[in-house]
Structures are given as structure tokens and as C-alpha cells.
């Protein structure tokens, strides 16, 4: 079972990293998702979110950095959620 969990975490990390990189390739796809959290200078935040998602994804994909990446993911989600609430 631990090997399955490790494999799932690696795959999830890779998918998150690819999603993060896609923010730079096609940023317009993320404008509407990002706007509620960051109504001003949305495109800049699309790039920042892409960088964070790429870094967290790589961290999740590598077993040695998985725990710190999970903490980073929780912090990132709290940061996004707080900004959505603040900008309502």
C-alpha cells in the first residue's frame, strides 16, 4: 500500500506541475478562475499561481520533499481562499 500511495503522490505532483506550467503557455485560460481572488492585476497573479503550482507539484512528485510540499499546498490553498473571501 505505501508504494501505491507514493506512486499516486508522484502522479498527482506531476499533474499539478504540468498544470502550473500551463499557466505560462495559455494564461488566458486561468483569468476567470483567478479574478475572484485577485480582481486587480489578475494576469500577474495567474503567473504567480502557475509558479507556485509548478513548485508544489515538483515537491509532491519527489518523495524527499513531499511533506514540505504538502505544507506548501495547504498554505497556498488557504492563501487563495482568504483572497476570494476578502475580495467578495
PDB file of N, CA and C in Angstrom:
ATOM      1  N   UNK A   1       0.811  -1.209   0.000  1.00  0.00           N
ATOM      2  CA  UNK A   1       0.000   0.000   0.000  1.00  0.00           C
ATOM      3  C   UNK A   1       0.851   1.269   0.000  1.00  0.00           C
ATOM      4  N   UNK A   2       1.953   1.352   0.789  1.00  0.00           N
ATOM      5  CA  UNK A   2       2.759   2.578   0.752  1.00  0.00           C
ATOM      6  C   UNK A   2       3.299   2.892  -0.631  1.00  0.00           C
ATOM      7  N   UNK A   3       3.637   1.869  -1.412  1.00  0.00           N
ATOM      8  CA  UNK A   3       4.132   2.117  -2.763  1.00  0.00           C
ATOM      9  C   UNK A   3       3.042   2.717  -3.639  1.00  0.00           C
ATOM     10  N   UNK A   4       1.791   2.267  -3.471  1.00  0.00           N
ATOM     11  CA  UNK A   4       0.679   2.835  -4.233  1.00  0.00           C
ATOM     12  C   UNK A   4       0.478   4.298  -3.856  1.00  0.00           C
ATOM     13  N   UNK A   5       0.557   4.596  -2.555  1.00  0.00           N
ATOM     14  CA  UNK A   5       0.418   5.987  -2.106  1.00  0.00           C
ATOM     15  C   UNK A   5       1.523   6.850  -2.686  1.00  0.00           C
ATOM     16  N   UNK A   6       2.728   6.328  -2.708  1.00  0.00           N
ATOM     17  CA  UNK A   6       3.860   7.066  -3.249  1.00  0.00           C
ATOM     18  C   UNK A   6       3.683   7.302  -4.746  1.00  0.00           C
ATOM     19  N   UNK A   7       3.219   6.305  -5.431  1.00  0.00           N
ATOM     20  CA  UNK A   7       3.000   6.440  -6.875  1.00  0.00           C
ATOM     21  C   UNK A   7       1.892   7.457  -7.158  1.00  0.00           C
ATOM     22  N   UNK A   8       0.817   7.399  -6.384  1.00  0.00           N
ATOM     23  CA  UNK A   8      -0.290   8.352  -6.559  1.00  0.00           C
ATOM     24  C   UNK A   8       0.187   9.776  -6.275  1.00  0.00           C
ATOM     25  N   UNK A   9       0.999   9.942  -5.240  1.00  0.00           N
ATOM     26  CA  UNK A   9       1.520  11.270  -4.917  1.00  0.00           C
ATOM     27  C   UNK A   9       2.436  11.781  -6.028  1.00  0.00           C
ATOM     28  N   UNK A  10       3.242  10.899  -6.584  1.00  0.00           N
ATOM     29  CA  UNK A  10       4.128  11.286  -7.681  1.00  0.00           C
ATOM     30  C   UNK A  10       3.321  11.717  -8.903  1.00  0.00           C
ATOM     31  N   UNK A  11       2.320  10.936  -9.243  1.00  0.00           N
ATOM     32  CA  UNK A  11       1.477  11.273 -10.405  1.00  0.00           C
ATOM     33  C   UNK A  11       0.734  12.584 -10.163  1.00  0.00           C
ATOM     34  N   UNK A  12       0.190  12.747  -8.966  1.00  0.00           N
ATOM     35  CA  UNK A  12      -0.511  13.987  -8.625  1.00  0.00           C
ATOM     36  C   UNK A  12       0.434  15.178  -8.724  1.00  0.00           C
ATOM     37  N   UNK A  13       1.638  15.016  -8.215  1.00  0.00           N
ATOM     38  CA  UNK A  13       2.631  16.089  -8.286  1.00  0.00           C
ATOM     39  C   UNK A  13       2.971  16.465  -9.718  1.00  0.00           C
ATOM     40  N   UNK A  14       3.159  15.471 -10.545  1.00  0.00           N
ATOM     41  CA  UNK A  14       3.478  15.734 -11.957  1.00  0.00           C
ATOM     42  C   UNK A  14       2.320  16.467 -12.627  1.00  0.00           C
ATOM     43  N   UNK A  15       1.099  16.017 -12.369  1.00  0.00           N
ATOM     44  CA  UNK A  15      -0.069  16.679 -12.965  1.00  0.00           C
ATOM     45  C   UNK A  15      -0.200  18.123 -12.493  1.00  0.00           C
ATOM     46  N   UNK A  16       0.052  18.360 -11.210  1.00  0.00           N
ATOM     47  CA  UNK A  16      -0.011  19.723 -10.688  1.00  0.00           C
ATOM     48  C   UNK A  16       1.085  20.592 -11.309  1.00  0.00           C
ATOM     49  N   UNK A  17       2.283  20.036 -11.457  1.00  0.00           N
ATOM     50  CA  UNK A  17       3.378  20.793 -12.069  1.00  0.00           C
ATOM     51  C   UNK A  17       3.062  21.135 -13.530  1.00  0.00           C
ATOM     52  N   UNK A  18       2.499  20.195 -14.262  1.00  0.00           N
ATOM     53  CA  UNK A  18       2.128  20.455 -15.659  1.00  0.00           C
ATOM     54  C   UNK A  18       1.034  21.522 -15.720  1.00  0.00           C
ATOM     55  N   UNK A  19       0.074  21.437 -14.802  1.00  0.00           N
ATOM     56  CA  UNK A  19      -0.972  22.462 -14.742  1.00  0.00           C
ATOM     57  C   UNK A  19      -0.356  23.825 -14.451  1.00  0.00           C
ATOM     58  N   UNK A  20       0.592  23.865 -13.521  1.00  0.00           N
ATOM     59  CA  UNK A  20       1.274  25.121 -13.214  1.00  0.00           C
ATOM     60  C   UNK A  20       1.989  25.690 -14.423  1.00  0.00           C
ATOM     61  N   UNK A  21       2.680  24.842 -15.155  1.00  0.00           N
ATOM     62  CA  UNK A  21       3.388  25.303 -16.354  1.00  0.00           C
ATOM     63  C   UNK A  21       2.428  25.806 -17.423  1.00  0.00           C
ATOM     64  N   UNK A  22       1.245  25.214 -17.472  1.00  0.00           N
ATOM     65  CA  UNK A  22       0.276  25.647 -18.482  1.00  0.00           C
ATOM     66  C   UNK A  22      -0.199  27.080 -18.245  1.00  0.00           C
ATOM     67  N   UNK A  23      -0.038  27.593 -17.027  1.00  0.00           N
ATOM     68  CA  UNK A  23      -0.373  28.999 -16.748  1.00  0.00           C
ATOM     69  C   UNK A  23       0.477  29.942 -17.600  1.00  0.00           C
ATOM     70  N   UNK A  24       1.674  29.502 -17.954  1.00  0.00           N
ATOM     71  CA  UNK A  24       2.587  30.332 -18.748  1.00  0.00           C
ATOM     72  C   UNK A  24       2.354  30.154 -20.250  1.00  0.00           C
ATOM     73  N   UNK A  25       1.868  28.993 -20.637  1.00  0.00           N
ATOM     74  CA  UNK A  25       1.631  28.696 -22.044  1.00  0.00           C
ATOM     75  C   UNK A  25       0.307  29.298 -22.516  1.00  0.00           C
ATOM     76  N   UNK A  26      -0.721  29.197 -21.682  1.00  0.00           N
ATOM     77  CA  UNK A  26      -2.054  29.700 -22.044  1.00  0.00           C
ATOM     78  C   UNK A  26      -2.675  30.415 -20.842  1.00  0.00           C
ATOM     79  N   UNK A  27      -2.116  31.542 -20.445  1.00  0.00           N
ATOM     80  CA  UNK A  27      -2.598  32.224 -19.234  1.00  0.00           C
ATOM     81  C   UNK A  27      -4.055  32.661 -19.313  1.00  0.00           C
ATOM     82  N   UNK A  28      -4.555  32.924 -20.514  1.00  0.00           N
ATOM     83  CA  UNK A  28      -5.940  33.368 -20.661  1.00  0.00           C
ATOM     84  C   UNK A  28      -6.929  32.331 -20.139  1.00  0.00           C
ATOM     85  N   UNK A  29      -6.542  31.064 -20.121  1.00  0.00           N
ATOM     86  CA  UNK A  29      -7.424  30.016 -19.605  1.00  0.00           C
ATOM     87  C   UNK A  29      -7.689  30.168 -18.110  1.00  0.00           C
ATOM     88  N   UNK A  30      -6.802  30.861 -17.417  1.00  0.00           N
ATOM     89  CA  UNK A  30      -6.890  30.957 -15.960  1.00  0.00           C
ATOM     90  C   UNK A  30      -7.388  32.307 -15.461  1.00  0.00           C
ATOM     91  N   UNK A  31      -7.583  33.260 -16.364  1.00  0.00           N
ATOM     92  CA  UNK A  31      -8.003  34.597 -15.937  1.00  0.00           C
ATOM     93  C   UNK A  31      -9.305  34.571 -15.139  1.00  0.00           C
ATOM     94  N   UNK A  32     -10.312  33.880 -15.632  1.00  0.00           N
ATOM     95  CA  UNK A  32     -11.619  33.869 -14.958  1.00  0.00           C
ATOM     96  C   UNK A  32     -11.578  33.146 -13.615  1.00  0.00           C
ATOM     97  N   UNK A  33     -10.717  32.134 -13.482  1.00  0.00           N
ATOM     98  CA  UNK A  33     -10.585  31.426 -12.206  1.00  0.00           C
ATOM     99  C   UNK A  33      -9.842  32.274 -11.181  1.00  0.00           C
ATOM    100  N   UNK A  34      -8.927  33.084 -11.661  1.00  0.00           N
ATOM    101  CA  UNK A  34      -8.074  33.872 -10.783  1.00  0.00           C
ATOM    102  C   UNK A  34      -8.723  35.182 -10.367  1.00  0.00           C
ATOM    103  N   UNK A  35      -9.566  35.711 -11.218  1.00  0.00           N
ATOM    104  CA  UNK A  35     -10.189  37.023 -10.976  1.00  0.00           C
ATOM    105  C   UNK A  35     -10.915  37.139  -9.626  1.00  0.00           C
ATOM    106  N   UNK A  36     -11.679  36.129  -9.153  1.00  0.00           N
ATOM    107  CA  UNK A  36     -12.347  36.283  -7.857  1.00  0.00           C
ATOM    108  C   UNK A  36     -11.378  36.492  -6.686  1.00  0.00           C
ATOM    109  N   UNK A  37     -10.228  35.872  -6.756  1.00  0.00           N
ATOM    110  CA  UNK A  37      -9.244  36.026  -5.680  1.00  0.00           C
ATOM    111  C   UNK A  37      -8.391  37.273  -5.866  1.00  0.00           C
ATOM    112  N   UNK A  38      -8.151  37.639  -7.117  1.00  0.00           N
ATOM    113  CA  UNK A  38      -7.266  38.762  -7.426  1.00  0.00           C
ATOM    114  C   UNK A  38      -7.877  39.615  -8.545  1.00  0.00           C
ATOM    115  N   UNK A  39      -8.872  40.435  -8.203  1.00  0.00           N
ATOM    116  CA  UNK A  39      -9.559  41.214  -9.234  1.00  0.00           C
ATOM    117  C   UNK A  39      -8.682  42.276  -9.893  1.00  0.00           C
ATOM    118  N   UNK A  40      -7.646  42.712  -9.212  1.00  0.00           N
ATOM    119  CA  UNK A  40      -6.721  43.691  -9.794  1.00  0.00           C
ATOM    120  C   UNK A  40      -5.433  42.980 -10.184  1.00  0.00           C
ATOM    121  N   UNK A  41      -4.918  43.330 -11.335  1.00  0.00           N
ATOM    122  CA  UNK A  41      -3.666  42.743 -11.830  1.00  0.00           C
ATOM    123  C   UNK A  41      -3.762  41.215 -11.913  1.00  0.00           C
ATOM    124  N   UNK A  42      -4.887  40.760 -12.436  1.00  0.00           N
ATOM    125  CA  UNK A  42      -5.195  39.333 -12.490  1.00  0.00           C
ATOM    126  C   UNK A  42      -4.130  38.530 -13.224  1.00  0.00           C
ATOM    127  N   UNK A  43      -3.682  39.018 -14.358  1.00  0.00           N
ATOM    128  CA  UNK A  43      -2.723  38.249 -15.158  1.00  0.00           C
ATOM    129  C   UNK A  43      -1.418  38.004 -14.398  1.00  0.00           C
ATOM    130  N   UNK A  44      -0.960  38.994 -13.657  1.00  0.00           N
ATOM    131  CA  UNK A  44       0.252  38.798 -12.846  1.00  0.00           C
ATOM    132  C   UNK A  44       0.041  37.654 -11.866  1.00  0.00           C
ATOM    133  N   UNK A  45      -1.133  37.607 -11.270  1.00  0.00           N
ATOM    134  CA  UNK A  45      -1.420  36.548 -10.307  1.00  0.00           C
ATOM    135  C   UNK A  45      -1.600  35.198 -10.976  1.00  0.00           C
ATOM    136  N   UNK A  46      -2.036  35.178 -12.218  1.00  0.00           N
ATOM    137  CA  UNK A  46      -2.087  33.916 -12.963  1.00  0.00           C
ATOM    138  C   UNK A  46      -0.673  33.345 -13.054  1.00  0.00           C
ATOM    139  N   UNK A  47       0.295  34.195 -13.362  1.00  0.00           N
ATOM    140  CA  UNK A  47       1.686  33.734 -13.456  1.00  0.00           C
ATOM    141  C   UNK A  47       2.237  33.323 -12.093  1.00  0.00           C
ATOM    142  N   UNK A  48       1.917  34.090 -11.059  1.00  0.00           N
ATOM    143  CA  UNK A  48       2.383  33.740  -9.711  1.00  0.00           C
ATOM    144  C   UNK A  48       1.788  32.395  -9.294  1.00  0.00           C
ATOM    145  N   UNK A  49       0.490  32.218  -9.523  1.00  0.00           N
ATOM    146  CA  UNK A  49      -0.153  30.943  -9.189  1.00  0.00           C
ATOM    147  C   UNK A  49       0.466  29.789  -9.970  1.00  0.00           C
ATOM    148  N   UNK A  50       0.778  30.030 -11.234  1.00  0.00           N
ATOM    149  CA  UNK A  50       1.422  28.995 -12.038  1.00  0.00           C
ATOM    150  C   UNK A  50       2.773  28.594 -11.477  1.00  0.00           C
ATOM    151  N   UNK A  51       3.535  29.578 -11.035  1.00  0.00           N
ATOM    152  CA  UNK A  51       4.844  29.278 -10.445  1.00  0.00           C
ATOM    153  C   UNK A  51       4.700  28.484  -9.152  1.00  0.00           C
ATOM    154  N   UNK A  52       3.741  28.886  -8.324  1.00  0.00           N
ATOM    155  CA  UNK A  52       3.514  28.174  -7.064  1.00  0.00           C
ATOM    156  C   UNK A  52       3.063  26.745  -7.336  1.00  0.00           C
ATOM    157  N   UNK A  53       2.125  26.572  -8.246  1.00  0.00           N
ATOM    158  CA  UNK A  53       1.630  25.234  -8.564  1.00  0.00           C
ATOM    159  C   UNK A  53       2.732  24.351  -9.155  1.00  0.00           C
ATOM    160  N   UNK A  54       3.585  24.923  -9.968  1.00  0.00           N
ATOM    161  CA  UNK A  54       4.702  24.159 -10.524  1.00  0.00           C
ATOM    162  C   UNK A  54       5.643  23.705  -9.413  1.00  0.00           C
ATOM    163  N   UNK A  55       6.000  24.616  -8.525  1.00  0.00           N
ATOM    164  CA  UNK A  55       6.919  24.284  -7.431  1.00  0.00           C
ATOM    165  C   UNK A  55       6.318  23.244  -6.484  1.00  0.00           C
ATOM    166  N   UNK A  56       5.065  23.432  -6.122  1.00  0.00           N
ATOM    167  CA  UNK A  56       4.415  22.472  -5.222  1.00  0.00           C
ATOM    168  C   UNK A  56       4.286  21.117  -5.909  1.00  0.00           C
ATOM    169  N   UNK A  57       3.946  21.112  -7.177  1.00  0.00           N
ATOM    170  CA  UNK A  57       3.828  19.861  -7.918  1.00  0.00           C
ATOM    171  C   UNK A  57       5.135  19.094  -7.969  1.00  0.00           C
ATOM    172  N   UNK A  58       6.222  19.792  -8.252  1.00  0.00           N
ATOM    173  CA  UNK A  58       7.537  19.136  -8.265  1.00  0.00           C
ATOM    174  C   UNK A  58       7.849  18.606  -6.868  1.00  0.00           C
ATOM    175  N   UNK A  59       7.538  19.398  -5.858  1.00  0.00           N
ATOM    176  CA  UNK A  59       7.770  18.958  -4.478  1.00  0.00           C
ATOM    177  C   UNK A  59       6.984  17.708  -4.129  1.00  0.00           C
ATOM    178  N   UNK A  60       5.751  17.616  -4.581  1.00  0.00           N
ATOM    179  CA  UNK A  60       4.947  16.417  -4.325  1.00  0.00           C
ATOM    180  C   UNK A  60       5.465  15.205  -5.091  1.00  0.00           C
ATOM    181  N   UNK A  61       6.003  15.431  -6.262  1.00  0.00           N
ATOM    182  CA  UNK A  61       6.484  14.332  -7.096  1.00  0.00           C
ATOM    183  C   UNK A  61       7.749  13.679  -6.529  1.00  0.00           C
ATOM    184  N   UNK A  62       8.513  14.423  -5.745  1.00  0.00           N
ATOM    185  CA  UNK A  62       9.776  13.922  -5.196  1.00  0.00           C
ATOM    186  C   UNK A  62       9.538  13.470  -3.753  1.00  0.00           C
ATOM    187  N   UNK A  63       9.718  12.188  -3.459  1.00  0.00           N
ATOM    188  CA  UNK A  63       9.417  11.689  -2.113  1.00  0.00           C
ATOM    189  C   UNK A  63      10.126  12.446  -0.978  1.00  0.00           C
ATOM    190  N   UNK A  64      11.341  12.872  -1.174  1.00  0.00           N
ATOM    191  CA  UNK A  64      12.087  13.559  -0.101  1.00  0.00           C
ATOM    192  C   UNK A  64      11.514  14.929   0.243  1.00  0.00           C
ATOM    193  N   UNK A  65      10.784  15.539  -0.677  1.00  0.00           N
ATOM    194  CA  UNK A  65      10.246  16.881  -0.431  1.00  0.00           C
ATOM    195  C   UNK A  65       8.722  16.884  -0.291  1.00  0.00           C
ATOM    196  N   UNK A  66       8.148  15.704  -0.238  1.00  0.00           N
ATOM    197  CA  UNK A  66       6.687  15.589  -0.247  1.00  0.00           C
ATOM    198  C   UNK A  66       6.028  16.247   0.962  1.00  0.00           C
ATOM    199  N   UNK A  67       6.577  16.057   2.154  1.00  0.00           N
ATOM    200  CA  UNK A  67       5.954  16.623   3.362  1.00  0.00           C
ATOM    201  C   UNK A  67       5.956  18.144   3.333  1.00  0.00           C
ATOM    202  N   UNK A  68       7.065  18.733   2.952  1.00  0.00           N
ATOM    203  CA  UNK A  68       7.132  20.198   2.895  1.00  0.00           C
ATOM    204  C   UNK A  68       6.230  20.719   1.780  1.00  0.00           C
ATOM    205  N   UNK A  69       6.133  19.963   0.686  1.00  0.00           N
ATOM    206  CA  UNK A  69       5.252  20.370  -0.415  1.00  0.00           C
ATOM    207  C   UNK A  69       3.786  20.318   0.019  1.00  0.00           C
ATOM    208  N   UNK A  70       3.425  19.328   0.817  1.00  0.00           N
ATOM    209  CA  UNK A  70       2.055  19.259   1.326  1.00  0.00           C
ATOM    210  C   UNK A  70       1.747  20.466   2.206  1.00  0.00           C
ATOM    211  N   UNK A  71       2.698  20.850   3.039  1.00  0.00           N
ATOM    212  CA  UNK A  71       2.516  22.045   3.866  1.00  0.00           C
ATOM    213  C   UNK A  71       2.379  23.277   2.972  1.00  0.00           C
ATOM    214  N   UNK A  72       3.186  23.349   1.926  1.00  0.00           N
ATOM    215  CA  UNK A  72       3.089  24.452   0.975  1.00  0.00           C
ATOM    216  C   UNK A  72       1.747  24.477   0.264  1.00  0.00           C
ATOM    217  N   UNK A  73       1.236  23.293  -0.074  1.00  0.00           N
ATOM    218  CA  UNK A  73      -0.066  23.203  -0.741  1.00  0.00           C
ATOM    219  C   UNK A  73      -1.182  23.704   0.173  1.00  0.00           C
ATOM    220  N   UNK A  74      -1.135  23.317   1.435  1.00  0.00           N
ATOM    221  CA  UNK A  74      -2.147  23.790   2.390  1.00  0.00           C
ATOM    222  C   UNK A  74      -2.069  25.313   2.521  1.00  0.00           C
ATOM    223  N   UNK A  75      -0.859  25.840   2.646  1.00  0.00           N
ATOM    224  CA  UNK A  75      -0.689  27.287   2.734  1.00  0.00           C
ATOM    225  C   UNK A  75      -1.197  28.000   1.494  1.00  0.00           C
ATOM    226  N   UNK A  76      -0.917  27.447   0.349  1.00  0.00           N
ATOM    227  CA  UNK A  76      -1.366  28.028  -0.925  1.00  0.00           C
ATOM    228  C   UNK A  76      -2.883  28.053  -1.009  1.00  0.00           C
ATOM    229  N   UNK A  77      -3.526  26.949  -0.635  1.00  0.00           N
ATOM    230  CA  UNK A  77      -4.990  26.892  -0.684  1.00  0.00           C
ATOM    231  C   UNK A  77      -5.623  27.869   0.304  1.00  0.00           C
ATOM    232  N   UNK A  78      -5.022  28.003   1.486  1.00  0.00           N
ATOM    233  CA  UNK A  78      -5.518  28.985   2.464  1.00  0.00           C
ATOM    234  C   UNK A  78      -5.361  30.405   1.927  1.00  0.00           C
ATOM    235  N   UNK A  79      -4.229  30.670   1.303  1.00  0.00           N
ATOM    236  CA  UNK A  79      -3.948  31.979   0.702  1.00  0.00           C
ATOM    237  C   UNK A  79      -4.976  32.321  -0.375  1.00  0.00           C
ATOM    238  N   UNK A  80      -5.263  31.368  -1.252  1.00  0.00           N
ATOM    239  CA  UNK A  80      -6.262  31.599  -2.302  1.00  0.00           C
ATOM    240  C   UNK A  80      -7.643  31.810  -1.698  1.00  0.00           C
ATOM    241  N   UNK A  81      -8.028  30.940  -0.764  1.00  0.00           N
ATOM    242  CA  UNK A  81      -9.336  31.050  -0.135  1.00  0.00           C
ATOM    243  C   UNK A  81      -9.524  32.366   0.592  1.00  0.00           C
ATOM    244  N   UNK A  82      -8.504  32.799   1.304  1.00  0.00           N
ATOM    245  CA  UNK A  82      -8.576  34.071   2.032  1.00  0.00           C
ATOM    246  C   UNK A  82      -8.751  35.235   1.074  1.00  0.00           C
ATOM    247  N   UNK A  83      -8.094  35.183  -0.066  1.00  0.00           N
ATOM    248  CA  UNK A  83      -8.220  36.267  -1.053  1.00  0.00           C
ATOM    249  C   UNK A  83      -9.590  36.279  -1.708  1.00  0.00           C
ATOM    250  N   UNK A  84     -10.174  35.117  -1.943  1.00  0.00           N
ATOM    251  CA  UNK A  84     -11.529  35.067  -2.502  1.00  0.00           C
ATOM    252  C   UNK A  84     -12.504  35.701  -1.511  1.00  0.00           C
ATOM    253  N   UNK A  85     -12.404  35.317  -0.244  1.00  0.00           N
ATOM    254  CA  UNK A  85     -13.293  35.855   0.786  1.00  0.00           C
ATOM    255  C   UNK A  85     -13.089  37.372   0.930  1.00  0.00           C
ATOM    256  N   UNK A  86     -11.856  37.800   0.942  1.00  0.00           N
ATOM    257  CA  UNK A  86     -11.543  39.218   1.112  1.00  0.00           C
ATOM    258  C   UNK A  86     -12.075  40.072  -0.031  1.00  0.00           C
ATOM    259  N   UNK A  87     -12.095  39.537  -1.234  1.00  0.00           N
ATOM    260  CA  UNK A  87     -12.494  40.305  -2.407  1.00  0.00           C
ATOM    261  C   UNK A  87     -13.947  40.106  -2.827  1.00  0.00           C
ATOM    262  N   UNK A  88     -14.745  39.534  -1.976  1.00  0.00           N
ATOM    263  CA  UNK A  88     -16.186  39.354  -2.270  1.00  0.00           C
ATOM    264  C   UNK A  88     -16.898  40.661  -2.256  1.00  0.00           C
TER     265      UNK A  88
END
